[in-house]
């Protein structure tokens, strides 16, 4: 199992937590802040269309447009991403 640095994630206290210091949980809905993004090896330096993926999140593969790093990301299961990459390598897509 890999340790993931979630220090950049924004955390919020569960709405079920109380103010008396009891058992509480915090959740983060921006786990992509912890992603280590890398540009596709097929990208070039002429400003062409490129994608970036993050490969440090277990079981997930986020994908985003490198020209819009603050924009949305698509998040695939590792299995679905693996199937997609295999299909591309086999010229099935």
PDB file of N, CA and C in Angstrom:
ATOM      1  N   UNK A   1       0.843  -1.173   0.000  1.00  0.00           N
ATOM      2  CA  UNK A   1       0.000   0.000   0.000  1.00  0.00           C
ATOM      3  C   UNK A   1       0.892   1.242   0.000  1.00  0.00           C
ATOM      4  N   UNK A   2       0.527   2.239  -0.817  1.00  0.00           N
ATOM      5  CA  UNK A   2       1.271   3.491  -0.889  1.00  0.00           C
ATOM      6  C   UNK A   2       0.684   4.522   0.062  1.00  0.00           C
ATOM      7  N   UNK A   3       1.553   5.300   0.665  1.00  0.00           N
ATOM      8  CA  UNK A   3       1.085   6.419   1.484  1.00  0.00           C
ATOM      9  C   UNK A   3       0.842   7.605   0.560  1.00  0.00           C
ATOM     10  N   UNK A   4      -0.258   8.276   0.745  1.00  0.00           N
ATOM     11  CA  UNK A   4      -0.612   9.422  -0.082  1.00  0.00           C
ATOM     12  C   UNK A   4      -0.601  10.667   0.785  1.00  0.00           C
ATOM     13  N   UNK A   5       0.089  11.688   0.306  1.00  0.00           N
ATOM     14  CA  UNK A   5       0.143  12.958   1.020  1.00  0.00           C
ATOM     15  C   UNK A   5      -1.142  13.736   0.733  1.00  0.00           C
ATOM     16  N   UNK A   6      -2.022  13.828   1.700  1.00  0.00           N
ATOM     17  CA  UNK A   6      -3.285  14.557   1.548  1.00  0.00           C
ATOM     18  C   UNK A   6      -3.252  15.918   2.231  1.00  0.00           C
ATOM     19  N   UNK A   7      -2.038  16.426   2.470  1.00  0.00           N
ATOM     20  CA  UNK A   7      -1.934  17.701   3.177  1.00  0.00           C
ATOM     21  C   UNK A   7      -2.498  18.870   2.367  1.00  0.00           C
ATOM     22  N   UNK A   8      -2.567  18.740   1.043  1.00  0.00           N
ATOM     23  CA  UNK A   8      -3.111  19.814   0.209  1.00  0.00           C
ATOM     24  C   UNK A   8      -4.632  19.738   0.066  1.00  0.00           C
ATOM     25  N   UNK A   9      -5.221  18.656   0.490  1.00  0.00           N
ATOM     26  CA  UNK A   9      -6.670  18.486   0.372  1.00  0.00           C
ATOM     27  C   UNK A   9      -7.387  19.416   1.350  1.00  0.00           C
ATOM     28  N   UNK A  10      -8.584  19.836   0.992  1.00  0.00           N
ATOM     29  CA  UNK A  10      -9.410  20.658   1.867  1.00  0.00           C
ATOM     30  C   UNK A  10     -10.342  19.732   2.637  1.00  0.00           C
ATOM     31  N   UNK A  11     -10.298  19.829   3.942  1.00  0.00           N
ATOM     32  CA  UNK A  11     -11.088  18.940   4.798  1.00  0.00           C
ATOM     33  C   UNK A  11     -12.243  19.699   5.417  1.00  0.00           C
ATOM     34  N   UNK A  12     -13.346  19.016   5.622  1.00  0.00           N
ATOM     35  CA  UNK A  12     -14.482  19.607   6.322  1.00  0.00           C
ATOM     36  C   UNK A  12     -15.024  18.585   7.306  1.00  0.00           C
ATOM     37  N   UNK A  13     -15.506  19.095   8.403  1.00  0.00           N
ATOM     38  CA  UNK A  13     -16.038  18.224   9.452  1.00  0.00           C
ATOM     39  C   UNK A  13     -17.406  17.695   9.037  1.00  0.00           C
ATOM     40  N   UNK A  14     -17.657  16.461   9.327  1.00  0.00           N
ATOM     41  CA  UNK A  14     -18.940  15.842   9.016  1.00  0.00           C
ATOM     42  C   UNK A  14     -20.078  16.612   9.674  1.00  0.00           C
ATOM     43  N   UNK A  15     -21.190  16.709   8.982  1.00  0.00           N
ATOM     44  CA  UNK A  15     -22.345  17.403   9.554  1.00  0.00           C
ATOM     45  C   UNK A  15     -22.915  16.646  10.749  1.00  0.00           C
ATOM     46  N   UNK A  16     -22.509  15.409  10.948  1.00  0.00           N
ATOM     47  CA  UNK A  16     -22.977  14.621  12.092  1.00  0.00           C
ATOM     48  C   UNK A  16     -22.096  14.818  13.316  1.00  0.00           C
ATOM     49  N   UNK A  17     -21.022  15.592  13.186  1.00  0.00           N
ATOM     50  CA  UNK A  17     -20.159  15.869  14.326  1.00  0.00           C
ATOM     51  C   UNK A  17     -20.833  16.895  15.225  1.00  0.00           C
ATOM     52  N   UNK A  18     -20.506  16.819  16.486  1.00  0.00           N
ATOM     53  CA  UNK A  18     -21.067  17.815  17.408  1.00  0.00           C
ATOM     54  C   UNK A  18     -19.954  18.741  17.885  1.00  0.00           C
ATOM     55  N   UNK A  19     -20.297  19.723  18.651  1.00  0.00           N
ATOM     56  CA  UNK A  19     -19.313  20.703  19.107  1.00  0.00           C
ATOM     57  C   UNK A  19     -18.733  20.362  20.471  1.00  0.00           C
ATOM     58  N   UNK A  20     -19.080  19.228  21.040  1.00  0.00           N
ATOM     59  CA  UNK A  20     -18.590  18.888  22.380  1.00  0.00           C
ATOM     60  C   UNK A  20     -17.312  18.054  22.340  1.00  0.00           C
ATOM     61  N   UNK A  21     -16.696  17.944  21.175  1.00  0.00           N
ATOM     62  CA  UNK A  21     -15.427  17.223  21.088  1.00  0.00           C
ATOM     63  C   UNK A  21     -15.575  15.723  21.022  1.00  0.00           C
ATOM     64  N   UNK A  22     -16.750  15.237  20.705  1.00  0.00           N
ATOM     65  CA  UNK A  22     -16.966  13.800  20.591  1.00  0.00           C
ATOM     66  C   UNK A  22     -16.315  13.229  19.344  1.00  0.00           C
ATOM     67  N   UNK A  23     -16.662  11.982  19.068  1.00  0.00           N
ATOM     68  CA  UNK A  23     -16.108  11.325  17.891  1.00  0.00           C
ATOM     69  C   UNK A  23     -16.561  12.054  16.622  1.00  0.00           C
ATOM     70  N   UNK A  24     -15.611  12.440  15.814  1.00  0.00           N
ATOM     71  CA  UNK A  24     -15.907  13.176  14.589  1.00  0.00           C
ATOM     72  C   UNK A  24     -15.098  12.590  13.443  1.00  0.00           C
ATOM     73  N   UNK A  25     -15.592  12.786  12.262  1.00  0.00           N
ATOM     74  CA  UNK A  25     -14.810  12.450  11.086  1.00  0.00           C
ATOM     75  C   UNK A  25     -14.750  13.684  10.193  1.00  0.00           C
ATOM     76  N   UNK A  26     -13.704  13.753   9.411  1.00  0.00           N
ATOM     77  CA  UNK A  26     -13.585  14.802   8.422  1.00  0.00           C
ATOM     78  C   UNK A  26     -13.503  14.132   7.058  1.00  0.00           C
ATOM     79  N   UNK A  27     -14.054  14.785   6.076  1.00  0.00           N
ATOM     80  CA  UNK A  27     -14.041  14.252   4.717  1.00  0.00           C
ATOM     81  C   UNK A  27     -13.458  15.317   3.785  1.00  0.00           C
ATOM     82  N   UNK A  28     -12.935  14.847   2.686  1.00  0.00           N
ATOM     83  CA  UNK A  28     -12.412  15.747   1.666  1.00  0.00           C
ATOM     84  C   UNK A  28     -13.011  15.361   0.336  1.00  0.00           C
ATOM     85  N   UNK A  29     -13.494  16.346  -0.393  1.00  0.00           N
ATOM     86  CA  UNK A  29     -14.028  16.052  -1.715  1.00  0.00           C
ATOM     87  C   UNK A  29     -13.113  16.581  -2.808  1.00  0.00           C
ATOM     88  N   UNK A  30     -11.917  17.003  -2.430  1.00  0.00           N
ATOM     89  CA  UNK A  30     -10.970  17.472  -3.442  1.00  0.00           C
ATOM     90  C   UNK A  30      -9.667  16.682  -3.376  1.00  0.00           C
ATOM     91  N   UNK A  31      -9.780  15.367  -3.345  1.00  0.00           N
ATOM     92  CA  UNK A  31      -8.598  14.517  -3.254  1.00  0.00           C
ATOM     93  C   UNK A  31      -7.645  14.726  -4.431  1.00  0.00           C
ATOM     94  N   UNK A  32      -8.124  15.344  -5.512  1.00  0.00           N
ATOM     95  CA  UNK A  32      -7.252  15.591  -6.661  1.00  0.00           C
ATOM     96  C   UNK A  32      -6.142  16.576  -6.320  1.00  0.00           C
ATOM     97  N   UNK A  33      -6.310  17.336  -5.228  1.00  0.00           N
ATOM     98  CA  UNK A  33      -5.240  18.238  -4.801  1.00  0.00           C
ATOM     99  C   UNK A  33      -4.001  17.447  -4.389  1.00  0.00           C
ATOM    100  N   UNK A  34      -4.175  16.194  -4.025  1.00  0.00           N
ATOM    101  CA  UNK A  34      -3.058  15.348  -3.620  1.00  0.00           C
ATOM    102  C   UNK A  34      -2.443  14.595  -4.795  1.00  0.00           C
ATOM    103  N   UNK A  35      -3.019  14.757  -5.971  1.00  0.00           N
ATOM    104  CA  UNK A  35      -2.548  14.009  -7.141  1.00  0.00           C
ATOM    105  C   UNK A  35      -1.202  14.526  -7.630  1.00  0.00           C
ATOM    106  N   UNK A  36      -0.356  13.592  -8.045  1.00  0.00           N
ATOM    107  CA  UNK A  36       0.902  13.931  -8.711  1.00  0.00           C
ATOM    108  C   UNK A  36       0.673  13.786 -10.209  1.00  0.00           C
ATOM    109  N   UNK A  37       0.503  14.907 -10.879  1.00  0.00           N
ATOM    110  CA  UNK A  37       0.164  14.899 -12.296  1.00  0.00           C
ATOM    111  C   UNK A  37       1.417  14.772 -13.145  1.00  0.00           C
ATOM    112  N   UNK A  38       1.294  14.029 -14.249  1.00  0.00           N
ATOM    113  CA  UNK A  38       2.381  13.946 -15.225  1.00  0.00           C
ATOM    114  C   UNK A  38       1.787  13.987 -16.617  1.00  0.00           C
ATOM    115  N   UNK A  39       2.507  14.638 -17.520  1.00  0.00           N
ATOM    116  CA  UNK A  39       2.034  14.793 -18.895  1.00  0.00           C
ATOM    117  C   UNK A  39       2.286  13.504 -19.670  1.00  0.00           C
ATOM    118  N   UNK A  40       1.409  13.216 -20.593  1.00  0.00           N
ATOM    119  CA  UNK A  40       1.543  12.052 -21.450  1.00  0.00           C
ATOM    120  C   UNK A  40       2.900  12.057 -22.145  1.00  0.00           C
ATOM    121  N   UNK A  41       3.520  10.896 -22.264  1.00  0.00           N
ATOM    122  CA  UNK A  41       4.816  10.802 -22.950  1.00  0.00           C
ATOM    123  C   UNK A  41       4.682  11.078 -24.445  1.00  0.00           C
ATOM    124  N   UNK A  42       3.469  11.075 -24.960  1.00  0.00           N
ATOM    125  CA  UNK A  42       3.229  11.372 -26.372  1.00  0.00           C
ATOM    126  C   UNK A  42       2.982  12.858 -26.618  1.00  0.00           C
ATOM    127  N   UNK A  43       3.031  13.658 -25.573  1.00  0.00           N
ATOM    128  CA  UNK A  43       2.834  15.097 -25.722  1.00  0.00           C
ATOM    129  C   UNK A  43       4.079  15.713 -26.336  1.00  0.00           C
ATOM    130  N   UNK A  44       3.879  16.829 -26.994  1.00  0.00           N
ATOM    131  CA  UNK A  44       5.038  17.524 -27.545  1.00  0.00           C
ATOM    132  C   UNK A  44       5.141  18.904 -26.924  1.00  0.00           C
ATOM    133  N   UNK A  45       6.152  19.637 -27.308  1.00  0.00           N
ATOM    134  CA  UNK A  45       6.383  20.952 -26.716  1.00  0.00           C
ATOM    135  C   UNK A  45       5.838  22.081 -27.579  1.00  0.00           C
ATOM    136  N   UNK A  46       5.080  21.774 -28.613  1.00  0.00           N
ATOM    137  CA  UNK A  46       4.573  22.819 -29.505  1.00  0.00           C
ATOM    138  C   UNK A  46       3.182  23.293 -29.111  1.00  0.00           C
ATOM    139  N   UNK A  47       2.712  22.920 -27.947  1.00  0.00           N
ATOM    140  CA  UNK A  47       1.411  23.392 -27.478  1.00  0.00           C
ATOM    141  C   UNK A  47       0.248  22.586 -27.999  1.00  0.00           C
ATOM    142  N   UNK A  48       0.515  21.388 -28.458  1.00  0.00           N
ATOM    143  CA  UNK A  48      -0.550  20.539 -28.975  1.00  0.00           C
ATOM    144  C   UNK A  48      -1.470  20.048 -27.876  1.00  0.00           C
ATOM    145  N   UNK A  49      -2.454  19.307 -28.270  1.00  0.00           N
ATOM    146  CA  UNK A  49      -3.423  18.777 -27.316  1.00  0.00           C
ATOM    147  C   UNK A  49      -2.766  17.678 -26.486  1.00  0.00           C
ATOM    148  N   UNK A  50      -2.810  17.836 -25.188  1.00  0.00           N
ATOM    149  CA  UNK A  50      -2.129  16.919 -24.277  1.00  0.00           C
ATOM    150  C   UNK A  50      -3.047  16.540 -23.124  1.00  0.00           C
ATOM    151  N   UNK A  51      -2.782  15.382 -22.565  1.00  0.00           N
ATOM    152  CA  UNK A  51      -3.470  14.995 -21.338  1.00  0.00           C
ATOM    153  C   UNK A  51      -2.436  14.775 -20.252  1.00  0.00           C
ATOM    154  N   UNK A  52      -2.890  14.894 -19.036  1.00  0.00           N
ATOM    155  CA  UNK A  52      -2.076  14.569 -17.877  1.00  0.00           C
ATOM    156  C   UNK A  52      -2.833  13.522 -17.072  1.00  0.00           C
ATOM    157  N   UNK A  53      -2.088  12.615 -16.464  1.00  0.00           N
ATOM    158  CA  UNK A  53      -2.706  11.642 -15.569  1.00  0.00           C
ATOM    159  C   UNK A  53      -1.997  11.707 -14.224  1.00  0.00           C
ATOM    160  N   UNK A  54      -2.690  11.261 -13.210  1.00  0.00           N
ATOM    161  CA  UNK A  54      -2.097  11.130 -11.882  1.00  0.00           C
ATOM    162  C   UNK A  54      -2.035   9.642 -11.583  1.00  0.00           C
ATOM    163  N   UNK A  55      -0.854   9.169 -11.248  1.00  0.00           N
ATOM    164  CA  UNK A  55      -0.700   7.734 -11.025  1.00  0.00           C
ATOM    165  C   UNK A  55      -0.359   7.385  -9.581  1.00  0.00           C
ATOM    166  N   UNK A  56      -0.645   8.296  -8.662  1.00  0.00           N
ATOM    167  CA  UNK A  56      -0.316   8.023  -7.263  1.00  0.00           C
ATOM    168  C   UNK A  56      -1.543   7.781  -6.377  1.00  0.00           C
ATOM    169  N   UNK A  57      -2.715   7.647  -6.970  1.00  0.00           N
ATOM    170  CA  UNK A  57      -3.924   7.418  -6.183  1.00  0.00           C
ATOM    171  C   UNK A  57      -4.366   5.967  -6.373  1.00  0.00           C
ATOM    172  N   UNK A  58      -4.308   5.160  -5.330  1.00  0.00           N
ATOM    173  CA  UNK A  58      -4.642   3.740  -5.468  1.00  0.00           C
ATOM    174  C   UNK A  58      -6.050   3.539  -6.028  1.00  0.00           C
ATOM    175  N   UNK A  59      -6.149   2.677  -7.007  1.00  0.00           N
ATOM    176  CA  UNK A  59      -7.418   2.250  -7.611  1.00  0.00           C
ATOM    177  C   UNK A  59      -8.087   3.314  -8.469  1.00  0.00           C
ATOM    178  N   UNK A  60      -7.493   4.512  -8.581  1.00  0.00           N
ATOM    179  CA  UNK A  60      -8.075   5.586  -9.378  1.00  0.00           C
ATOM    180  C   UNK A  60      -7.045   6.147 -10.352  1.00  0.00           C
ATOM    181  N   UNK A  61      -7.514   6.570 -11.519  1.00  0.00           N
ATOM    182  CA  UNK A  61      -6.640   7.248 -12.481  1.00  0.00           C
ATOM    183  C   UNK A  61      -7.360   8.511 -12.957  1.00  0.00           C
ATOM    184  N   UNK A  62      -7.023   9.661 -12.365  1.00  0.00           N
ATOM    185  CA  UNK A  62      -7.593  10.914 -12.835  1.00  0.00           C
ATOM    186  C   UNK A  62      -6.896  11.360 -14.127  1.00  0.00           C
ATOM    187  N   UNK A  63      -7.661  11.946 -15.043  1.00  0.00           N
ATOM    188  CA  UNK A  63      -7.147  12.426 -16.329  1.00  0.00           C
ATOM    189  C   UNK A  63      -7.659  13.851 -16.521  1.00  0.00           C
ATOM    190  N   UNK A  64      -6.768  14.753 -16.965  1.00  0.00           N
ATOM    191  CA  UNK A  64      -7.191  16.137 -17.197  1.00  0.00           C
ATOM    192  C   UNK A  64      -6.482  16.707 -18.425  1.00  0.00           C
ATOM    193  N   UNK A  65      -6.986  17.827 -18.892  1.00  0.00           N
ATOM    194  CA  UNK A  65      -6.413  18.555 -20.015  1.00  0.00           C
ATOM    195  C   UNK A  65      -5.234  19.375 -19.488  1.00  0.00           C
ATOM    196  N   UNK A  66      -4.053  19.152 -20.045  1.00  0.00           N
ATOM    197  CA  UNK A  66      -2.871  19.862 -19.547  1.00  0.00           C
ATOM    198  C   UNK A  66      -2.940  21.369 -19.798  1.00  0.00           C
ATOM    199  N   UNK A  67      -3.743  21.796 -20.764  1.00  0.00           N
ATOM    200  CA  UNK A  67      -3.885  23.221 -21.035  1.00  0.00           C
ATOM    201  C   UNK A  67      -4.827  23.898 -20.045  1.00  0.00           C
ATOM    202  N   UNK A  68      -5.550  23.108 -19.260  1.00  0.00           N
ATOM    203  CA  UNK A  68      -6.500  23.650 -18.297  1.00  0.00           C
ATOM    204  C   UNK A  68      -6.371  22.881 -16.973  1.00  0.00           C
ATOM    205  N   UNK A  69      -5.227  23.008 -16.305  1.00  0.00           N
ATOM    206  CA  UNK A  69      -4.993  22.210 -15.097  1.00  0.00           C
ATOM    207  C   UNK A  69      -5.947  22.507 -13.937  1.00  0.00           C
ATOM    208  N   UNK A  70      -6.576  23.668 -13.940  1.00  0.00           N
ATOM    209  CA  UNK A  70      -7.543  23.986 -12.882  1.00  0.00           C
ATOM    210  C   UNK A  70      -8.949  23.538 -13.251  1.00  0.00           C
ATOM    211  N   UNK A  71      -9.114  23.027 -14.456  1.00  0.00           N
ATOM    212  CA  UNK A  71     -10.418  22.588 -14.927  1.00  0.00           C
ATOM    213  C   UNK A  71     -10.788  21.215 -14.387  1.00  0.00           C
ATOM    214  N   UNK A  72     -11.845  20.649 -14.912  1.00  0.00           N
ATOM    215  CA  UNK A  72     -12.324  19.358 -14.409  1.00  0.00           C
ATOM    216  C   UNK A  72     -11.391  18.212 -14.798  1.00  0.00           C
ATOM    217  N   UNK A  73     -11.517  17.130 -14.081  1.00  0.00           N
ATOM    218  CA  UNK A  73     -10.775  15.903 -14.379  1.00  0.00           C
ATOM    219  C   UNK A  73     -11.772  14.756 -14.469  1.00  0.00           C
ATOM    220  N   UNK A  74     -11.487  13.842 -15.349  1.00  0.00           N
ATOM    221  CA  UNK A  74     -12.254  12.596 -15.407  1.00  0.00           C
ATOM    222  C   UNK A  74     -11.520  11.595 -14.535  1.00  0.00           C
ATOM    223  N   UNK A  75     -12.251  10.839 -13.738  1.00  0.00           N
ATOM    224  CA  UNK A  75     -11.625   9.868 -12.851  1.00  0.00           C
ATOM    225  C   UNK A  75     -12.116   8.479 -13.226  1.00  0.00           C
ATOM    226  N   UNK A  76     -11.168   7.615 -13.578  1.00  0.00           N
ATOM    227  CA  UNK A  76     -11.467   6.251 -13.984  1.00  0.00           C
ATOM    228  C   UNK A  76     -10.978   5.284 -12.924  1.00  0.00           C
ATOM    229  N   UNK A  77     -11.615   4.129 -12.848  1.00  0.00           N
ATOM    230  CA  UNK A  77     -11.054   3.073 -12.005  1.00  0.00           C
ATOM    231  C   UNK A  77      -9.766   2.611 -12.679  1.00  0.00           C
ATOM    232  N   UNK A  78      -8.843   2.071 -11.889  1.00  0.00           N
ATOM    233  CA  UNK A  78      -7.590   1.583 -12.457  1.00  0.00           C
ATOM    234  C   UNK A  78      -7.857   0.492 -13.484  1.00  0.00           C
ATOM    235  N   UNK A  79      -8.841  -0.354 -13.237  1.00  0.00           N
ATOM    236  CA  UNK A  79      -9.173  -1.433 -14.170  1.00  0.00           C
ATOM    237  C   UNK A  79      -9.689  -0.870 -15.494  1.00  0.00           C
ATOM    238  N   UNK A  80     -10.569   0.124 -15.433  1.00  0.00           N
ATOM    239  CA  UNK A  80     -11.108   0.722 -16.657  1.00  0.00           C
ATOM    240  C   UNK A  80     -10.002   1.423 -17.444  1.00  0.00           C
ATOM    241  N   UNK A  81      -9.114   2.133 -16.763  1.00  0.00           N
ATOM    242  CA  UNK A  81      -8.014   2.812 -17.440  1.00  0.00           C
ATOM    243  C   UNK A  81      -7.085   1.784 -18.097  1.00  0.00           C
ATOM    244  N   UNK A  82      -6.799   0.700 -17.379  1.00  0.00           N
ATOM    245  CA  UNK A  82      -5.958  -0.356 -17.939  1.00  0.00           C
ATOM    246  C   UNK A  82      -6.567  -0.958 -19.196  1.00  0.00           C
ATOM    247  N   UNK A  83      -7.871  -1.170 -19.176  1.00  0.00           N
ATOM    248  CA  UNK A  83      -8.563  -1.695 -20.358  1.00  0.00           C
ATOM    249  C   UNK A  83      -8.496  -0.711 -21.518  1.00  0.00           C
ATOM    250  N   UNK A  84      -8.663   0.573 -21.237  1.00  0.00           N
ATOM    251  CA  UNK A  84      -8.580   1.596 -22.271  1.00  0.00           C
ATOM    252  C   UNK A  84      -7.183   1.626 -22.891  1.00  0.00           C
ATOM    253  N   UNK A  85      -6.153   1.635 -22.062  1.00  0.00           N
ATOM    254  CA  UNK A  85      -4.776   1.678 -22.564  1.00  0.00           C
ATOM    255  C   UNK A  85      -4.478   0.437 -23.403  1.00  0.00           C
ATOM    256  N   UNK A  86      -4.927  -0.725 -22.950  1.00  0.00           N
ATOM    257  CA  UNK A  86      -4.718  -1.958 -23.715  1.00  0.00           C
ATOM    258  C   UNK A  86      -5.425  -1.882 -25.069  1.00  0.00           C
ATOM    259  N   UNK A  87      -6.636  -1.344 -25.092  1.00  0.00           N
ATOM    260  CA  UNK A  87      -7.379  -1.216 -26.347  1.00  0.00           C
ATOM    261  C   UNK A  87      -6.671  -0.265 -27.308  1.00  0.00           C
ATOM    262  N   UNK A  88      -6.124   0.835 -26.776  1.00  0.00           N
ATOM    263  CA  UNK A  88      -5.392   1.779 -27.625  1.00  0.00           C
ATOM    264  C   UNK A  88      -4.146   1.102 -28.198  1.00  0.00           C
ATOM    265  N   UNK A  89      -3.428   0.371 -27.354  1.00  0.00           N
ATOM    266  CA  UNK A  89      -2.220  -0.324 -27.819  1.00  0.00           C
ATOM    267  C   UNK A  89      -2.549  -1.355 -28.898  1.00  0.00           C
ATOM    268  N   UNK A  90      -3.711  -1.961 -28.802  1.00  0.00           N
ATOM    269  CA  UNK A  90      -4.128  -2.970 -29.777  1.00  0.00           C
ATOM    270  C   UNK A  90      -4.890  -2.365 -30.948  1.00  0.00           C
ATOM    271  N   UNK A  91      -4.916  -1.044 -31.024  1.00  0.00           N
ATOM    272  CA  UNK A  91      -5.621  -0.307 -32.087  1.00  0.00           C
ATOM    273  C   UNK A  91      -7.102  -0.640 -32.149  1.00  0.00           C
ATOM    274  N   UNK A  92      -7.699  -0.937 -31.002  1.00  0.00           N
ATOM    275  CA  UNK A  92      -9.123  -1.267 -30.953  1.00  0.00           C
ATOM    276  C   UNK A  92      -9.993  -0.025 -30.811  1.00  0.00           C
ATOM    277  N   UNK A  93      -9.391   1.104 -30.507  1.00  0.00           N
ATOM    278  CA  UNK A  93     -10.146   2.364 -30.410  1.00  0.00           C
ATOM    279  C   UNK A  93      -9.457   3.433 -31.218  1.00  0.00           C
TER     280      UNK A  93
END
